[in-house]
Amino acid sequence: MPAQGRRPGQVPFRARPLPAPTAEAALALAAALSPVRVDEAAPVPVERTTGGALLRPTVTELRLSAFGVHRGTVLPLGPVTLLRGASGSGKTTALRAYEALARLGAGAELEEVLPDAADRVPERSRADAQGRRGFRIGCTVDGPVGPVHLDLAVQAEPTLRIVGERLTSPDRTLFTTALRDPGRSTVQAEWHTAGNTPVTRAPFPDDVLGTALLPLRVAGKTQGQRDVLAAAEQVVVGLRAAFPCHPLPHRMRQPVPVGEGRLRRDCHNLAAVLHRTATECPRRHARLAALATAGCAGTVAGLGLRESETGGTVEAVLERAGLPDMALGRLGDGELRYLALGLVLLTGPGVLAMDPVAEVPQAMQTLTVLADGLDHALDARQLAALFGLAGEICASGHVRLVAAVGEGVTGVTDVPGVTMVDLGA
């Protein structure tokens, strides 16, 4: 029985052309969108094998077809990508879209990832006859199997659900989902098989990313199934290795308990992590001390630690030649943010509070740091030191940085590996 107010066979969202009819209904939301590339400059090349494939799964493009203030926005991502623009240009929105894809790739439920999904629907988006509105986001993950494109359509009103998903390689559509019955909490999934049955169909839940479920649902008996699994695993590995970082200086000033020292996104436990790196990673700790010398006021001789008399808490201090040590809590906001961001770039997934794919060696994963308002409270000297460090660290291919900066940030495109994307107002 067709839903009330809709003709038989009519789908709630307009489709992008795809090879299979089921895919036509999967990826559209209310209005056709004309793609507009924000920055035509190609991302800086990253480390590849002799055959041309990326060594590690890497997100090379973020697509915001309809998300917040963005319509048809395509963002190329290089080793260091700076999203520059005025307030309201959509820098933070782009980072939130990336984080949402990363968390969905880790298997998180849609409502947990996007509790404010209705606020992400473009303001001018019109509801259909049933009052439904939504948004579309996607990305490209390059890697050993070549570029793989993931596109996602989400209905935000009146009920939050994934109504369409598409996973494609350059030569074929590998996996699609589409909402067939609005009364059920499932979507119809299809994936490439290339065996006696060229396509396999099954219901998938509408509140999680189908691509993340494929390794649990596809047997891998045929070459077609193995192609689907390889593409899905590449996307999941590339997305999950993301660490959103937003240092909050007011939370970093107090001594913290000595613990395992996994740095949180607000960096409030900076001292505990420094306590860990000082013993486990003396080389990186020394580099951070050198960074402090370059970006903190006064003469800095080193970066030390001071434990409480009971040994239960620790605070970080700046060691100063001929002067008493200074607790990091006495530093300015910009200095604390500067040190925290430097520490994130110098460490890896094992020191950060994140959820990479445990089954894949860290050497085969690329950590992507997402930093909103990276330039906030930083002076020109600190920015130059951070961008120089980022360019050096990210050149290896193990770490990438996607950061939002204000429109006043200039003169950084000379740093190798930096892609500047101007969003405008």
Protein backbone atom coordinates (compact mmCIF):
# COMPACT_ATOMS: atom_id res chain seq x y z
CA MET A 1 0.00 0.00 0.00
CA PRO A 2 1.64 3.30 -1.02
CA ALA A 3 2.06 5.93 1.68
CA GLN A 4 -0.73 8.46 1.90
CA GLY A 5 -0.23 11.44 -0.40
CA ARG A 6 2.26 9.67 -2.65
CA ARG A 7 1.65 8.03 -5.98
CA PRO A 8 2.54 4.34 -6.37
CA GLY A 9 6.22 4.02 -7.26
CA GLN A 10 6.98 7.61 -6.31
CA VAL A 11 10.03 8.00 -4.04
CA PRO A 12 10.29 10.75 -1.45
CA PHE A 13 13.56 12.20 -2.75
CA ARG A 14 14.81 13.05 -6.22
CA ALA A 15 17.56 10.72 -7.41
CA ARG A 16 21.02 11.04 -8.85
CA PRO A 17 21.41 8.72 -11.88
CA LEU A 18 22.85 5.33 -10.93
CA PRO A 19 23.14 2.07 -12.79
CA ALA A 20 20.49 0.20 -10.81
CA PRO A 21 16.91 1.40 -10.23
CA THR A 22 17.22 0.70 -6.52
CA ALA A 23 20.09 3.14 -6.27
CA GLU A 24 18.11 5.86 -8.00
CA ALA A 25 15.90 6.25 -4.96
CA ALA A 26 18.67 6.08 -2.44
CA LEU A 27 20.66 9.27 -2.69
CA ALA A 28 18.46 12.32 -3.06
CA LEU A 29 16.86 14.76 -0.72
CA ALA A 30 14.14 17.10 -1.86
CA ALA A 31 15.95 19.27 -4.41
CA ALA A 32 18.49 18.80 -7.18
CA LEU A 33 21.88 20.26 -6.34
CA SER A 34 24.43 21.61 -8.79
CA PRO A 35 27.94 20.65 -7.66
CA VAL A 36 30.27 23.58 -7.02
CA ARG A 37 33.91 22.81 -6.29
CA VAL A 38 35.28 25.24 -3.74
CA ASP A 39 38.92 24.87 -4.63
CA GLU A 40 40.07 23.60 -8.02
CA ALA A 41 43.62 23.08 -6.77
CA ALA A 42 44.38 19.38 -6.50
CA PRO A 43 45.54 18.09 -3.11
CA VAL A 44 49.26 17.62 -2.67
CA PRO A 45 50.22 14.08 -3.72
CA VAL A 46 50.67 11.61 -0.87
CA GLU A 47 52.80 8.52 -0.50
CA ARG A 48 51.95 5.82 -3.04
CA THR A 49 53.22 2.41 -4.00
CA THR A 50 55.13 1.83 -7.22
CA GLY A 51 51.79 0.89 -8.79
CA GLY A 52 50.30 4.27 -7.93
CA ALA A 53 47.99 3.17 -5.09
CA LEU A 54 48.08 4.87 -1.71
CA LEU A 55 49.92 2.90 0.93
CA ARG A 56 47.33 3.68 3.60
CA PRO A 57 43.57 4.39 3.37
CA THR A 58 43.27 8.17 3.27
CA VAL A 59 40.29 10.52 3.01
CA THR A 60 41.11 12.72 0.02
CA GLU A 61 37.80 14.49 -0.54
CA LEU A 62 34.83 15.62 1.55
CA ARG A 63 31.49 16.25 -0.17
CA LEU A 64 28.79 18.40 1.41
CA SER A 65 26.03 18.12 -1.16
CA ALA A 66 23.46 19.54 1.26
CA PHE A 67 24.62 20.08 4.83
CA GLY A 68 24.11 23.21 6.90
CA VAL A 69 25.19 26.26 4.91
CA HIS A 70 26.81 24.05 2.26
CA ARG A 71 25.19 23.12 -1.03
CA GLY A 72 27.18 21.16 -3.58
CA THR A 73 30.49 21.84 -1.80
CA VAL A 74 33.48 19.65 -2.65
CA LEU A 75 36.56 19.99 -0.43
CA PRO A 76 39.87 18.48 -1.61
CA LEU A 77 41.94 17.22 1.32
CA GLY A 78 45.73 17.15 1.27
CA PRO A 79 48.28 16.26 3.96
CA VAL A 80 47.58 19.65 5.61
CA THR A 81 44.24 21.21 4.68
CA LEU A 82 43.24 24.64 6.00
CA LEU A 83 39.60 25.64 5.62
CA ARG A 84 39.73 29.43 5.59
CA GLY A 85 36.81 31.80 5.75
CA ALA A 86 34.84 34.34 7.71
CA SER A 87 32.48 33.48 10.54
CA GLY A 88 29.45 31.68 9.13
CA SER A 89 31.24 30.37 6.04
CA GLY A 90 30.82 26.75 7.11
CA LYS A 91 34.29 25.81 8.37
CA THR A 92 33.04 24.22 11.59
CA THR A 93 30.15 22.61 9.73
CA ALA A 94 32.58 20.89 7.36
CA LEU A 95 34.60 19.49 10.26
CA ARG A 96 31.41 18.25 11.92
CA ALA A 97 30.47 16.42 8.73
CA TYR A 98 33.87 14.73 8.65
CA GLU A 99 33.58 13.75 12.32
CA ALA A 100 30.07 12.40 11.72
CA LEU A 101 31.31 10.17 8.89
CA ALA A 102 34.20 8.99 11.06
CA ARG A 103 31.93 8.03 13.96
CA LEU A 104 29.44 6.33 11.65
CA GLY A 105 32.34 4.42 10.14
CA ALA A 106 33.17 3.20 13.63
CA GLY A 107 29.66 1.74 13.93
CA ALA A 108 28.04 4.44 16.09
CA GLU A 109 24.29 4.92 15.80
CA LEU A 110 22.97 7.88 13.84
CA GLU A 111 21.13 9.51 16.75
CA GLU A 112 24.26 9.36 18.90
CA VAL A 113 26.38 10.91 16.16
CA LEU A 114 23.94 13.63 15.05
CA PRO A 115 21.52 14.48 17.87
CA ASP A 116 21.10 17.91 16.25
CA ALA A 117 20.52 16.51 12.76
CA ALA A 118 17.56 18.82 12.07
CA ASP A 119 19.90 21.81 12.45
CA ARG A 120 22.10 20.39 9.68
CA VAL A 121 19.33 20.50 7.07
CA PRO A 122 19.92 23.43 4.66
CA GLU A 123 17.69 26.32 5.65
CA ARG A 124 16.12 26.63 2.21
CA SER A 125 15.44 22.92 1.87
CA ARG A 126 11.74 22.25 1.30
CA ALA A 127 9.89 19.36 2.86
CA ASP A 128 8.04 16.86 0.69
CA ALA A 129 4.33 16.06 1.00
CA GLN A 130 5.02 13.93 4.09
CA GLY A 131 7.04 16.67 5.79
CA ARG A 132 10.41 15.00 5.22
CA ARG A 133 13.67 16.91 4.98
CA GLY A 134 17.27 15.84 5.21
CA PHE A 135 20.86 16.30 4.09
CA ARG A 136 23.57 14.59 2.03
CA ILE A 137 27.26 14.15 2.78
CA GLY A 138 30.00 11.95 1.39
CA CYS A 139 33.71 11.41 0.99
CA THR A 140 36.36 9.71 -1.11
CA VAL A 141 38.83 7.35 0.54
CA ASP A 142 41.87 6.52 -1.56
CA GLY A 143 44.08 3.57 -0.76
CA PRO A 144 45.39 0.19 -1.92
CA VAL A 145 42.22 -0.57 -3.95
CA GLY A 146 42.09 2.90 -5.52
CA PRO A 147 39.60 5.70 -4.83
CA VAL A 148 36.32 4.58 -3.23
CA HIS A 149 33.38 6.98 -2.96
CA LEU A 150 30.89 6.90 -0.09
CA ASP A 151 27.69 8.98 -0.33
CA LEU A 152 25.05 9.15 2.34
CA ALA A 153 21.50 10.54 2.42
CA VAL A 154 19.98 11.18 5.84
CA GLN A 155 16.37 12.04 6.62
CA ALA A 156 16.35 14.39 9.62
CA GLU A 157 12.65 15.23 9.82
CA PRO A 158 10.24 13.98 10.99
CA THR A 159 12.23 10.83 11.87
CA LEU A 160 16.01 10.56 11.89
CA ARG A 161 17.14 7.71 9.63
CA ILE A 162 19.53 6.85 6.82
CA VAL A 163 17.45 6.65 3.64
CA GLY A 164 20.20 5.98 1.12
CA GLU A 165 23.83 4.97 0.92
CA ARG A 166 26.10 4.32 -2.02
CA LEU A 167 29.61 2.85 -2.19
CA THR A 168 31.28 3.07 -5.59
CA SER A 169 34.63 2.36 -7.20
CA PRO A 170 35.70 4.11 -10.41
CA ASP A 171 34.15 1.38 -12.57
CA ARG A 172 31.08 0.11 -10.70
CA THR A 173 28.57 0.58 -7.92
CA LEU A 174 29.53 -1.86 -5.16
CA PHE A 175 26.86 -1.31 -2.52
CA THR A 176 23.64 0.68 -2.24
CA THR A 177 20.78 1.03 0.19
CA ALA A 178 17.37 2.63 -0.30
CA LEU A 179 14.32 3.25 1.85
CA ARG A 180 11.47 1.12 0.48
CA ASP A 181 8.94 1.04 3.29
CA PRO A 182 8.79 4.13 5.55
CA GLY A 183 6.90 2.05 8.10
CA ARG A 184 9.92 -0.20 8.73
CA SER A 185 13.18 0.70 10.46
CA THR A 186 15.21 -0.91 7.67
CA VAL A 187 16.50 -0.06 4.22
CA GLN A 188 16.88 -2.43 1.27
CA ALA A 189 20.58 -3.15 0.69
CA GLU A 190 22.18 -4.50 -2.48
CA TRP A 191 25.81 -5.41 -3.05
CA HIS A 192 27.86 -6.64 -5.96
CA THR A 193 28.46 -10.40 -6.00
CA ALA A 194 29.59 -11.32 -9.54
CA GLY A 195 28.84 -15.01 -8.97
CA ASN A 196 25.84 -17.08 -9.98
CA THR A 197 23.76 -14.30 -8.43
CA PRO A 198 25.23 -10.98 -9.60
CA VAL A 199 23.55 -8.95 -6.84
CA THR A 200 22.68 -9.89 -3.25
CA ARG A 201 19.80 -8.16 -1.46
CA ALA A 202 19.06 -7.99 2.27
CA PRO A 203 17.49 -5.58 4.80
CA PHE A 204 19.89 -3.38 6.76
CA PRO A 205 19.11 -1.19 9.80
CA ASP A 206 18.45 2.46 8.98
CA ASP A 207 20.29 3.91 11.99
CA VAL A 208 23.85 2.77 11.27
CA LEU A 209 26.21 3.01 8.30
CA GLY A 210 25.70 0.00 6.05
CA THR A 211 29.29 0.12 4.79
CA ALA A 212 30.53 -0.54 8.32
CA LEU A 213 28.32 -3.64 8.51
CA LEU A 214 29.50 -5.22 5.26
CA PRO A 215 32.44 -7.17 6.78
CA LEU A 216 29.85 -8.89 9.00
CA ARG A 217 27.39 -9.61 6.20
CA VAL A 218 29.48 -10.46 3.11
CA ALA A 219 31.12 -13.88 2.95
CA GLY A 220 33.87 -13.03 0.48
CA LYS A 221 33.45 -16.23 -1.54
CA THR A 222 33.41 -14.60 -4.99
CA GLN A 223 35.72 -12.00 -6.49
CA GLY A 224 32.83 -9.55 -6.55
CA GLN A 225 32.24 -10.02 -2.82
CA ARG A 226 35.95 -9.60 -2.14
CA ASP A 227 35.93 -6.35 -4.10
CA VAL A 228 33.05 -5.09 -1.96
CA LEU A 229 34.80 -6.10 1.25
CA ALA A 230 38.09 -4.50 0.24
CA ALA A 231 36.37 -1.22 -0.63
CA ALA A 232 34.29 -1.19 2.56
CA GLU A 233 37.27 -1.97 4.77
CA GLN A 234 39.33 0.75 3.10
CA VAL A 235 36.60 3.32 3.77
CA VAL A 236 36.15 2.24 7.39
CA VAL A 237 39.88 2.27 8.13
CA GLY A 238 40.34 5.65 6.46
CA LEU A 239 37.43 7.27 8.30
CA ARG A 240 37.88 5.83 11.78
CA ALA A 241 41.44 7.09 12.27
CA ALA A 242 40.22 10.63 13.04
CA PHE A 243 40.85 12.69 16.17
CA PRO A 244 38.79 15.87 16.68
CA CYS A 245 40.90 18.23 18.78
CA HIS A 246 39.60 21.38 20.49
CA PRO A 247 41.95 22.42 23.32
CA LEU A 248 40.20 24.32 26.13
CA PRO A 249 42.81 26.25 28.14
CA HIS A 250 40.59 26.77 31.18
CA ARG A 251 40.41 22.99 31.61
CA MET A 252 44.15 22.48 31.16
CA ARG A 253 45.39 24.60 34.08
CA GLN A 254 44.80 22.24 37.01
CA PRO A 255 46.90 19.23 38.10
CA VAL A 256 45.40 15.98 36.85
CA PRO A 257 45.46 12.39 38.12
CA VAL A 258 48.31 10.24 36.90
CA GLY A 259 46.67 7.69 34.62
CA GLU A 260 47.12 5.94 31.32
CA GLY A 261 47.56 9.31 29.64
CA ARG A 262 45.34 9.11 26.55
CA LEU A 263 44.80 12.69 25.44
CA ARG A 264 41.15 13.81 25.34
CA ARG A 265 39.74 16.08 22.65
CA ASP A 266 39.69 19.11 24.99
CA CYS A 267 43.26 18.30 26.14
CA HIS A 268 42.34 18.80 29.81
CA ASN A 269 44.65 15.92 30.77
CA LEU A 270 47.65 17.39 28.94
CA ALA A 271 49.91 17.00 32.00
CA ALA A 272 49.09 13.29 32.36
CA VAL A 273 49.96 12.69 28.72
CA LEU A 274 53.23 14.61 29.09
CA HIS A 275 53.99 12.42 32.10
CA ARG A 276 53.57 9.40 29.85
CA THR A 277 55.51 10.73 26.85
CA ALA A 278 58.41 11.81 29.08
CA THR A 279 59.02 8.16 30.00
CA GLU A 280 57.75 6.29 26.93
CA CYS A 281 58.64 8.70 24.09
CA PRO A 282 61.63 10.83 25.19
CA ARG A 283 62.41 11.82 21.60
CA ARG A 284 58.93 13.22 21.00
CA HIS A 285 58.95 14.84 24.43
CA ALA A 286 62.20 16.59 23.52
CA ARG A 287 60.67 17.85 20.27
CA LEU A 288 57.70 19.25 22.16
CA ALA A 289 60.09 21.00 24.55
CA ALA A 290 61.80 22.56 21.52
CA LEU A 291 58.38 23.64 20.25
CA ALA A 292 57.70 25.28 23.62
CA THR A 293 60.97 27.17 23.31
CA ALA A 294 59.87 28.50 19.92
CA GLY A 295 56.36 29.57 20.92
CA CYS A 296 56.25 30.44 24.62
CA ALA A 297 57.23 33.76 26.14
CA GLY A 298 60.57 34.08 27.89
CA THR A 299 63.52 31.74 27.84
CA VAL A 300 62.42 28.10 27.99
CA ALA A 301 65.04 25.49 28.82
CA GLY A 302 62.77 22.47 28.79
CA LEU A 303 59.41 20.93 29.56
CA GLY A 304 59.17 19.17 32.91
CA LEU A 305 56.69 17.62 35.32
CA ARG A 306 55.91 18.08 38.97
CA GLU A 307 54.11 15.39 40.94
CA SER A 308 52.15 16.05 44.09
CA GLU A 309 53.56 14.89 47.42
CA THR A 310 51.09 12.02 47.48
CA GLY A 311 51.96 11.06 43.91
CA GLY A 312 48.33 11.06 42.85
CA THR A 313 48.39 14.11 40.57
CA VAL A 314 50.84 15.73 38.20
CA GLU A 315 51.22 19.13 36.57
CA ALA A 316 53.46 20.19 33.72
CA VAL A 317 56.00 22.99 34.11
CA LEU A 318 58.22 25.07 31.88
CA GLU A 319 61.85 24.82 32.94
CA ARG A 320 63.55 28.20 32.66
CA ALA A 321 67.30 28.79 32.83
CA GLY A 322 68.20 30.60 36.03
CA LEU A 323 64.56 31.00 37.05
CA PRO A 324 62.08 28.87 38.99
CA ASP A 325 59.95 26.45 37.01
CA MET A 326 56.62 27.86 35.81
CA ALA A 327 53.47 25.75 36.01
CA LEU A 328 51.70 25.44 32.65
CA GLY A 329 48.57 26.73 34.35
CA ARG A 330 50.18 30.19 34.45
CA LEU A 331 50.59 30.31 30.68
CA GLY A 332 48.30 32.27 28.40
CA ASP A 333 45.45 30.67 26.48
CA GLY A 334 47.37 30.83 23.21
CA GLU A 335 50.44 29.18 24.71
CA LEU A 336 48.39 26.32 26.15
CA ARG A 337 46.55 25.76 22.87
CA TYR A 338 49.84 25.89 21.00
CA LEU A 339 51.44 23.21 23.20
CA ALA A 340 48.36 20.98 23.08
CA LEU A 341 48.11 21.11 19.28
CA GLY A 342 51.84 20.45 18.98
CA LEU A 343 51.52 17.41 21.24
CA VAL A 344 48.67 16.01 19.13
CA LEU A 345 50.74 16.30 15.95
CA LEU A 346 53.76 14.67 17.56
CA THR A 347 51.93 11.69 19.06
CA GLY A 348 49.91 8.89 17.48
CA PRO A 349 46.69 6.91 17.95
CA GLY A 350 48.14 5.05 20.93
CA VAL A 351 48.35 8.28 22.92
CA LEU A 352 45.07 9.84 21.76
CA ALA A 353 41.57 9.00 23.00
CA MET A 354 40.25 7.67 19.70
CA ASP A 355 38.91 4.46 18.16
CA PRO A 356 41.11 3.27 15.28
CA VAL A 357 40.68 -0.16 13.73
CA ALA A 358 42.44 -2.49 16.17
CA GLU A 359 42.82 -5.28 13.59
CA VAL A 360 44.92 -3.09 11.28
CA PRO A 361 48.52 -2.22 12.29
CA GLN A 362 48.98 1.46 13.12
CA ALA A 363 51.67 1.67 10.45
CA MET A 364 48.96 0.99 7.85
CA GLN A 365 46.61 3.69 9.14
CA THR A 366 46.63 7.45 8.63
CA LEU A 367 45.72 9.57 11.64
CA THR A 368 43.66 12.63 10.64
CA VAL A 369 43.56 15.46 13.19
CA LEU A 370 40.46 17.68 12.97
CA ALA A 371 41.13 21.08 14.55
CA ASP A 372 38.41 23.72 14.65
CA GLY A 373 39.61 27.31 15.11
CA LEU A 374 43.25 26.25 15.03
CA ASP A 375 44.46 29.86 14.92
CA HIS A 376 42.35 30.98 17.90
CA ALA A 377 44.49 32.95 20.41
CA LEU A 378 47.71 32.08 18.54
CA ASP A 379 50.16 34.74 17.37
CA ALA A 380 52.03 34.76 14.07
CA ARG A 381 55.14 33.14 15.58
CA GLN A 382 53.15 30.26 17.05
CA LEU A 383 51.19 29.71 13.84
CA ALA A 384 54.38 29.62 11.79
CA ALA A 385 55.91 27.05 14.14
CA LEU A 386 52.76 24.89 14.14
CA PHE A 387 52.36 24.97 10.36
CA GLY A 388 56.04 24.13 9.93
CA LEU A 389 55.67 21.18 12.30
CA ALA A 390 52.47 20.04 10.57
CA GLY A 391 54.10 20.20 7.15
CA GLU A 392 57.04 18.13 8.36
CA ILE A 393 55.00 15.55 10.30
CA CYS A 394 52.29 15.14 7.65
CA ALA A 395 54.79 14.65 4.83
CA SER A 396 55.37 11.10 6.05
CA GLY A 397 51.77 10.10 5.30
CA HIS A 398 51.13 8.78 8.82
CA VAL A 399 49.38 11.96 10.01
CA ARG A 400 47.12 14.46 8.25
CA LEU A 401 45.60 17.71 9.48
CA VAL A 402 42.27 19.28 8.54
CA ALA A 403 41.87 22.59 10.33
CA ALA A 404 39.54 25.58 10.27
CA VAL A 405 41.20 29.00 10.37
CA GLY A 406 40.03 32.59 10.13
CA GLU A 407 40.20 34.63 6.95
CA GLY A 408 43.20 36.55 8.32
CA VAL A 409 45.54 33.54 8.09
CA THR A 410 47.89 34.08 5.14
CA GLY A 411 51.36 33.20 3.96
CA VAL A 412 51.20 29.48 4.76
CA THR A 413 50.83 28.07 1.25
CA ASP A 414 54.64 28.07 0.92
CA VAL A 415 54.73 25.23 3.48
CA PRO A 416 55.03 21.96 1.52
CA GLY A 417 51.88 19.86 1.64
CA VAL A 418 49.48 22.66 2.63
CA THR A 419 46.16 22.92 0.77
CA MET A 420 44.31 26.19 1.46
CA VAL A 421 40.57 26.03 0.79
CA ASP A 422 38.80 29.39 0.80
CA LEU A 423 35.16 28.98 1.74
CA GLY A 424 34.19 32.66 1.63
CA ALA A 425 31.30 34.17 3.56
